[in-house]
C-alpha atoms as a PDB file:
ATOM      1  CA  MET A   1     -17.523  -1.584   7.931  1.00  0.00           C
ATOM      2  CA  GLU A   2     -13.836  -1.997   7.720  1.00  0.00           C
ATOM      3  CA  LYS A   3     -11.521  -0.894  10.890  1.00  0.00           C
ATOM      4  CA  ALA A   4      -9.173   1.567  10.894  1.00  0.00           C
ATOM      5  CA  ILE A   5      -5.528   0.374  11.668  1.00  0.00           C
ATOM      6  CA  ALA A   6      -2.544   2.386  12.792  1.00  0.00           C
ATOM      7  CA  VAL A   7       0.014   0.607  10.176  1.00  0.00           C
ATOM      8  CA  GLY A   8       2.877   3.449  12.234  1.00  0.00           C
ATOM      9  CA  ASP A   9       2.388   1.630  15.577  1.00  0.00           C
ATOM     10  CA  ARG A  10       3.252  -1.861  13.648  1.00  0.00           C
ATOM     11  CA  VAL A  11       6.170  -0.505  11.767  1.00  0.00           C
ATOM     12  CA  LYS A  12       7.575   1.025  15.331  1.00  0.00           C
ATOM     13  CA  TYR A  13       7.105  -2.223  17.133  1.00  0.00           C
ATOM     14  CA  TYR A  14       9.115  -4.012  14.362  1.00  0.00           C
ATOM     15  CA  ARG A  15      11.592  -1.509  13.986  1.00  0.00           C
ATOM     16  CA  LYS A  16      12.445  -1.523  17.934  1.00  0.00           C
ATOM     17  CA  LYS A  17      12.087  -5.542  17.796  1.00  0.00           C
ATOM     18  CA  ARG A  18      15.084  -5.671  15.364  1.00  0.00           C
ATOM     19  CA  SER A  19      17.085  -2.738  17.161  1.00  0.00           C
ATOM     20  CA  MET A  20      17.040  -0.400  14.357  1.00  0.00           C
ATOM     21  CA  THR A  21      16.994   3.094  14.576  1.00  0.00           C
ATOM     22  CA  ILE A  22      15.032   5.460  12.431  1.00  0.00           C
ATOM     23  CA  GLN A  23      17.679   6.305  10.484  1.00  0.00           C
ATOM     24  CA  GLN A  24      18.809   2.799   9.779  1.00  0.00           C
ATOM     25  CA  VAL A  25      15.414   1.886   8.297  1.00  0.00           C
ATOM     26  CA  ALA A  26      15.353   4.992   6.224  1.00  0.00           C
ATOM     27  CA  GLU A  27      18.956   4.351   4.824  1.00  0.00           C
ATOM     28  CA  ALA A  28      18.071   0.603   4.002  1.00  0.00           C
ATOM     29  CA  ALA A  29      14.480   1.399   2.396  1.00  0.00           C
ATOM     30  CA  GLY A  30      15.880   4.261   0.279  1.00  0.00           C
ATOM     31  CA  LEU A  31      13.712   6.360   2.191  1.00  0.00           C
ATOM     32  CA  SER A  32      14.006   9.594   4.424  1.00  0.00           C
ATOM     33  CA  LYS A  33      14.500   9.856   8.205  1.00  0.00           C
ATOM     34  CA  GLY A  34      11.416  12.213   8.132  1.00  0.00           C
ATOM     35  CA  LEU A  35       9.067   9.984   6.414  1.00  0.00           C
ATOM     36  CA  ILE A  36       9.563   6.989   8.768  1.00  0.00           C
ATOM     37  CA  SER A  37       9.032   9.321  11.637  1.00  0.00           C
ATOM     38  CA  GLN A  38       5.787  10.783  10.154  1.00  0.00           C
ATOM     39  CA  ILE A  39       4.534   6.883   9.501  1.00  0.00           C
ATOM     40  CA  GLU A  40       5.587   5.595  13.204  1.00  0.00           C
ATOM     41  CA  ASN A  41       3.818   9.081  14.512  1.00  0.00           C
ATOM     42  CA  ARG A  42       0.610   8.621  12.496  1.00  0.00           C
ATOM     43  CA  LEU A  43       1.257  11.822  10.415  1.00  0.00           C
ATOM     44  CA  VAL A  44       1.145  10.083   7.227  1.00  0.00           C
ATOM     45  CA  SER A  45      -0.414   7.264   5.611  1.00  0.00           C
ATOM     46  CA  PRO A  46       2.035   5.150   3.803  1.00  0.00           C
ATOM     47  CA  PRO A  47       1.851   3.937   0.141  1.00  0.00           C
ATOM     48  CA  ILE A  48       1.862   0.378  -0.419  1.00  0.00           C
ATOM     49  CA  ALA A  49       5.189   0.582  -2.369  1.00  0.00           C
ATOM     50  CA  THR A  50       6.724   2.169   0.761  1.00  0.00           C
ATOM     51  CA  LEU A  51       5.418  -0.608   3.241  1.00  0.00           C
ATOM     52  CA  PHE A  52       7.186  -3.264   1.094  1.00  0.00           C
ATOM     53  CA  LYS A  53      10.224  -1.443   1.328  1.00  0.00           C
ATOM     54  CA  ILE A  54      10.130  -1.063   5.215  1.00  0.00           C
ATOM     55  CA  ALA A  55       8.735  -4.667   5.276  1.00  0.00           C
ATOM     56  CA  ASN A  56      11.968  -5.868   3.121  1.00  0.00           C
ATOM     57  CA  VAL A  57      14.169  -3.899   5.683  1.00  0.00           C
ATOM     58  CA  LEU A  58      12.373  -5.102   8.837  1.00  0.00           C
ATOM     59  CA  GLU A  59      12.321  -8.548   7.531  1.00  0.00           C
ATOM     60  CA  VAL A  60       8.520  -9.170   8.344  1.00  0.00           C
ATOM     61  CA  PRO A  61       5.889 -10.223   6.000  1.00  0.00           C
ATOM     62  CA  MET A  62       3.666  -6.900   5.224  1.00  0.00           C
ATOM     63  CA  ALA A  63       0.692  -8.583   6.485  1.00  0.00           C
ATOM     64  CA  ARG A  64       2.112  -8.111  10.051  1.00  0.00           C
ATOM     65  CA  PHE A  65       1.333  -4.151   9.713  1.00  0.00           C
ATOM     66  CA  PHE A  66      -2.233  -4.938   9.584  1.00  0.00           C
ATOM     67  CA  GLN A  67      -2.836  -7.567  12.614  1.00  0.00           C
ATOM     68  CA  ASP A  68      -4.197  -6.411  15.881  1.00  0.00           C
ATOM     69  CA  GLU A  69      -2.073  -8.990  17.372  1.00  0.00           C
ATOM     70  CA  LEU A  70       0.937 -11.103  16.682  1.00  0.00           C
ATOM     71  CA  SER A  71      -0.660 -14.498  16.107  1.00  0.00           C
ATOM     72  CA  VAL A  72       0.707 -17.604  13.866  1.00  0.00           C
ATOM     73  CA  SER A  73      -0.262 -17.467  10.589  1.00  0.00           C
ATOM     74  CA  ASP A  74      -2.899 -20.249   9.673  1.00  0.00           C
ATOM     75  CA  LYS A  75      -2.731 -22.207   6.334  1.00  0.00           C
ATOM     76  CA  ILE A  76      -6.650 -21.150   5.382  1.00  0.00           C
ATOM     77  CA  VAL A  77      -7.729 -17.595   6.515  1.00  0.00           C
ATOM     78  CA  ALA A  78     -11.106 -15.912   5.815  1.00  0.00           C
ATOM     79  CA  VAL A  79     -11.765 -12.092   6.260  1.00  0.00           C
ATOM     80  CA  LYS A  80     -15.214 -10.921   6.721  1.00  0.00           C
ATOM     81  CA  GLU A  81     -16.026  -7.554   5.019  1.00  0.00           C
ATOM     82  CA  SER A  82     -16.444  -6.449   8.685  1.00  0.00           C
ATOM     83  CA  GLU A  83     -12.826  -7.338   9.646  1.00  0.00           C
ATOM     84  CA  ARG A  84     -11.119  -5.560   6.557  1.00  0.00           C
ATOM     85  CA  LYS A  85      -8.066  -3.110   7.787  1.00  0.00           C
ATOM     86  CA  LYS A  86      -8.630   0.335   6.221  1.00  0.00           C
ATOM     87  CA  VAL A  87      -5.573   2.658   5.981  1.00  0.00           C
ATOM     88  CA  ASN A  88      -7.057   6.014   6.518  1.00  0.00           C
ATOM     89  CA  ARG A  89      -6.140   8.510   3.813  1.00  0.00           C
ATOM     90  CA  ARG A  90      -3.553  11.480   5.047  1.00  0.00           C
ATOM     91  CA  LYS A  91      -0.989  13.766   3.464  1.00  0.00           C
ATOM     92  CA  LEU A  92       2.199  11.781   2.488  1.00  0.00           C
ATOM     93  CA  SER A  93       4.453  14.675   3.040  1.00  0.00           C
ATOM     94  CA  GLY A  94       3.748  18.553   3.141  1.00  0.00           C
ATOM     95  CA  SER A  95       0.991  19.153   1.053  1.00  0.00           C
ATOM     96  CA  MET A  96       0.903  16.125  -1.273  1.00  0.00           C
ATOM     97  CA  SER A  97      -1.836  13.868  -1.300  1.00  0.00           C
ATOM     98  CA  LEU A  98      -1.214  10.005  -1.433  1.00  0.00           C
ATOM     99  CA  GLY A  99      -4.097   9.985  -4.174  1.00  0.00           C
ATOM    100  CA  TYR A 100      -5.752   6.422  -2.574  1.00  0.00           C
ATOM    101  CA  SER A 101      -6.753   4.827   0.312  1.00  0.00           C
ATOM    102  CA  TYR A 102      -6.510   1.105   0.565  1.00  0.00           C
ATOM    103  CA  GLU A 103      -8.123  -1.886   2.809  1.00  0.00           C
ATOM    104  CA  SER A 104      -5.887  -4.850   3.463  1.00  0.00           C
ATOM    105  CA  LEU A 105      -7.997  -8.199   2.372  1.00  0.00           C
ATOM    106  CA  ALA A 106      -5.546 -10.729   3.572  1.00  0.00           C
ATOM    107  CA  TRP A 107      -4.058  -9.467   7.053  1.00  0.00           C
ATOM    108  CA  LYS A 108      -4.651 -12.707   8.573  1.00  0.00           C
ATOM    109  CA  LYS A 109      -2.495 -14.410   6.566  1.00  0.00           C
ATOM    110  CA  THR A 110       0.950 -13.700   7.479  1.00  0.00           C
ATOM    111  CA  LYS A 111       3.336 -16.128   5.258  1.00  0.00           C
ATOM    112  CA  LYS A 112       2.384 -15.260   2.054  1.00  0.00           C
ATOM    113  CA  SER A 113       3.880 -13.990  -1.372  1.00  0.00           C
ATOM    114  CA  MET A 114       0.421 -12.078  -2.444  1.00  0.00           C
ATOM    115  CA  GLU A 115      -0.715  -9.037  -1.017  1.00  0.00           C
ATOM    116  CA  PRO A 116      -4.468  -8.322  -1.996  1.00  0.00           C
ATOM    117  CA  PHE A 117      -6.176  -4.774  -1.494  1.00  0.00           C
ATOM    118  CA  ILE A 118      -8.962  -3.006  -2.353  1.00  0.00           C
ATOM    119  CA  ILE A 119      -7.867   0.431  -3.318  1.00  0.00           C
ATOM    120  CA  THR A 120     -10.000   3.519  -3.709  1.00  0.00           C
ATOM    121  CA  PHE A 121      -8.187   6.272  -6.195  1.00  0.00           C
ATOM    122  CA  GLU A 122      -8.978  10.149  -6.104  1.00  0.00           C
ATOM    123  CA  SER A 123      -9.820  11.708  -8.903  1.00  0.00           C
ATOM    124  CA  LYS A 124      -6.881  14.420  -9.850  1.00  0.00           C
ATOM    125  CA  GLN A 125      -5.319  16.225 -12.516  1.00  0.00           C
ATOM    126  CA  ALA A 126      -2.263  14.175 -14.111  1.00  0.00           C
ATOM    127  CA  ASP A 127       0.423  16.866 -12.794  1.00  0.00           C
ATOM    128  CA  GLU A 128      -0.816  16.012  -9.166  1.00  0.00           C
ATOM    129  CA  VAL A 129      -0.493  11.958  -9.550  1.00  0.00           C
ATOM    130  CA  ALA A 130       2.117  10.398  -7.340  1.00  0.00           C
ATOM    131  CA  TYR A 131       4.461   8.029  -8.486  1.00  0.00           C
ATOM    132  CA  PHE A 132       5.803   4.934  -6.845  1.00  0.00           C
ATOM    133  CA  SER A 133       8.046   1.938  -7.697  1.00  0.00           C
ATOM    134  CA  HIS A 134       8.653  -1.273  -5.648  1.00  0.00           C
ATOM    135  CA  GLN A 135       9.964  -5.047  -6.154  1.00  0.00           C
ATOM    136  CA  GLY A 136       7.283  -7.355  -7.490  1.00  0.00           C
ATOM    137  CA  GLU A 137       4.515  -7.508  -9.869  1.00  0.00           C
ATOM    138  CA  GLU A 138       1.046  -6.219  -9.471  1.00  0.00           C
ATOM    139  CA  PHE A 139      -2.544  -7.110 -10.982  1.00  0.00           C
ATOM    140  CA  HIS A 140      -5.457  -4.481 -10.815  1.00  0.00           C
ATOM    141  CA  PHE A 141      -9.168  -5.539 -11.612  1.00  0.00           C
ATOM    142  CA  VAL A 142     -11.430  -2.110 -12.201  1.00  0.00           C
ATOM    143  CA  LEU A 143     -14.502  -2.537  -9.715  1.00  0.00           C
ATOM    144  CA  GLU A 144     -15.824   0.728 -10.244  1.00  0.00           C
ATOM    145  CA  GLY A 145     -15.281   4.222 -11.904  1.00  0.00           C
ATOM    146  CA  GLU A 146     -12.435   5.100 -14.724  1.00  0.00           C
ATOM    147  CA  LEU A 147      -8.832   4.842 -13.927  1.00  0.00           C
ATOM    148  CA  GLU A 148      -5.865   6.063 -15.490  1.00  0.00           C
ATOM    149  CA  PHE A 149      -2.517   4.114 -15.270  1.00  0.00           C
ATOM    150  CA  LEU A 150       0.684   6.589 -15.909  1.00  0.00           C
ATOM    151  CA  SER A 151       4.375   5.441 -16.301  1.00  0.00           C
ATOM    152  CA  ASP A 152       7.257   6.147 -18.300  1.00  0.00           C
ATOM    153  CA  GLU A 153       6.578   3.494 -20.971  1.00  0.00           C
ATOM    154  CA  LYS A 154       2.862   3.756 -21.083  1.00  0.00           C
ATOM    155  CA  THR A 155      -0.442   5.211 -20.190  1.00  0.00           C
ATOM    156  CA  VAL A 156      -3.594   2.912 -20.382  1.00  0.00           C
ATOM    157  CA  VAL A 157      -7.357   3.753 -19.524  1.00  0.00           C
ATOM    158  CA  LEU A 158      -9.242   1.517 -17.567  1.00  0.00           C
ATOM    159  CA  GLU A 159     -12.835   1.214 -17.203  1.00  0.00           C
ATOM    160  CA  LYS A 160     -15.052  -1.240 -14.914  1.00  0.00           C
ATOM    161  CA  GLY A 161     -14.508  -5.212 -15.773  1.00  0.00           C
ATOM    162  CA  ASP A 162     -10.746  -4.133 -16.926  1.00  0.00           C
ATOM    163  CA  SER A 163      -7.842  -5.604 -15.645  1.00  0.00           C
ATOM    164  CA  LEU A 164      -3.856  -4.666 -15.750  1.00  0.00           C
ATOM    165  CA  TYR A 165      -0.709  -6.619 -14.851  1.00  0.00           C
ATOM    166  CA  PHE A 166       2.686  -5.076 -14.750  1.00  0.00           C
ATOM    167  CA  GLU A 167       6.136  -5.312 -12.909  1.00  0.00           C
ATOM    168  CA  SER A 168       5.922  -2.753 -10.322  1.00  0.00           C
ATOM    169  CA  ASN A 169       9.628  -1.761 -10.181  1.00  0.00           C
ATOM    170  CA  ILE A 170       8.814   0.714 -13.002  1.00  0.00           C
ATOM    171  CA  SER A 171       7.722   4.098 -11.598  1.00  0.00           C
ATOM    172  CA  HIS A 172       3.703   4.319 -12.013  1.00  0.00           C
ATOM    173  CA  GLY A 173       1.038   6.079 -10.728  1.00  0.00           C
ATOM    174  CA  PHE A 174      -2.968   6.201 -11.011  1.00  0.00           C
ATOM    175  CA  ARG A 175      -5.713   8.672 -10.805  1.00  0.00           C
ATOM    176  CA  ALA A 176      -9.292   8.666 -11.135  1.00  0.00           C
ATOM    177  CA  LEU A 177     -11.031  10.315 -14.310  1.00  0.00           C
ATOM    178  CA  ASN A 178     -14.282  11.934 -14.779  1.00  0.00           C
ATOM    179  CA  GLY A 179     -14.478  13.680 -11.210  1.00  0.00           C
ATOM    180  CA  LYS A 180     -15.526  10.457  -9.826  1.00  0.00           C
ATOM    181  CA  PRO A 181     -13.122   7.678  -7.433  1.00  0.00           C
ATOM    182  CA  ALA A 182     -12.348   4.290  -9.132  1.00  0.00           C
ATOM    183  CA  LYS A 183     -12.163   1.314  -7.029  1.00  0.00           C
ATOM    184  CA  THR A 184      -9.980  -1.658  -7.893  1.00  0.00           C
ATOM    185  CA  LEU A 185      -9.219  -5.336  -6.460  1.00  0.00           C
ATOM    186  CA  VAL A 186      -5.157  -5.240  -6.412  1.00  0.00           C
ATOM    187  CA  VAL A 187      -3.256  -8.506  -5.805  1.00  0.00           C
ATOM    188  CA  ILE A 188       0.640  -7.340  -5.288  1.00  0.00           C
ATOM    189  CA  HIS A 189       2.942 -10.133  -5.693  1.00  0.00           C
ATOM    190  CA  SER A 190       6.892 -10.033  -4.128  1.00  0.00           C
ATOM    191  CA  ASP A 191       9.263 -12.587  -3.324  1.00  0.00           C
ATOM    192  CA  TYR A 192      10.458 -10.968   0.102  1.00  0.00           C
END
């Protein structure tokens, strides 16, 4: 069974280590001060795109937000299924649901340019989908269910075994279809 992790505690730790205020992080990341505060106080679970923006501002690898201790990165790491770090689903802001929960699959490796996750998407109406964008590229491989990818440029329906690769700086969102969750293996690449 995967372990839940308090990402907000790590965000706060690295913000203070850099001697930055919540306002400074929010402005540099293009996020609201309230959202940073809610993340640090464990009131919301940040989307992956938001974590990438915060990690960039704090100049730390995103993997640090999932680590229990501050360890030196190894060249080779293995993460057993029982060691996975799961970010528990909470509301994003107000009553808006994030629409997915995620597990970090390589949290032990600090210095890396790819972030692998397993994401479980909720079934929802198209007008309830939250859209995000961040630097880098994403690859999704559908493990279970049926998933719809939505963007201004294209809408794609994916089934088990299908894959999707896209530049993640475009505004994008996902939703599971047919009233059942969908699960994907995701690899996000970023240069920062």
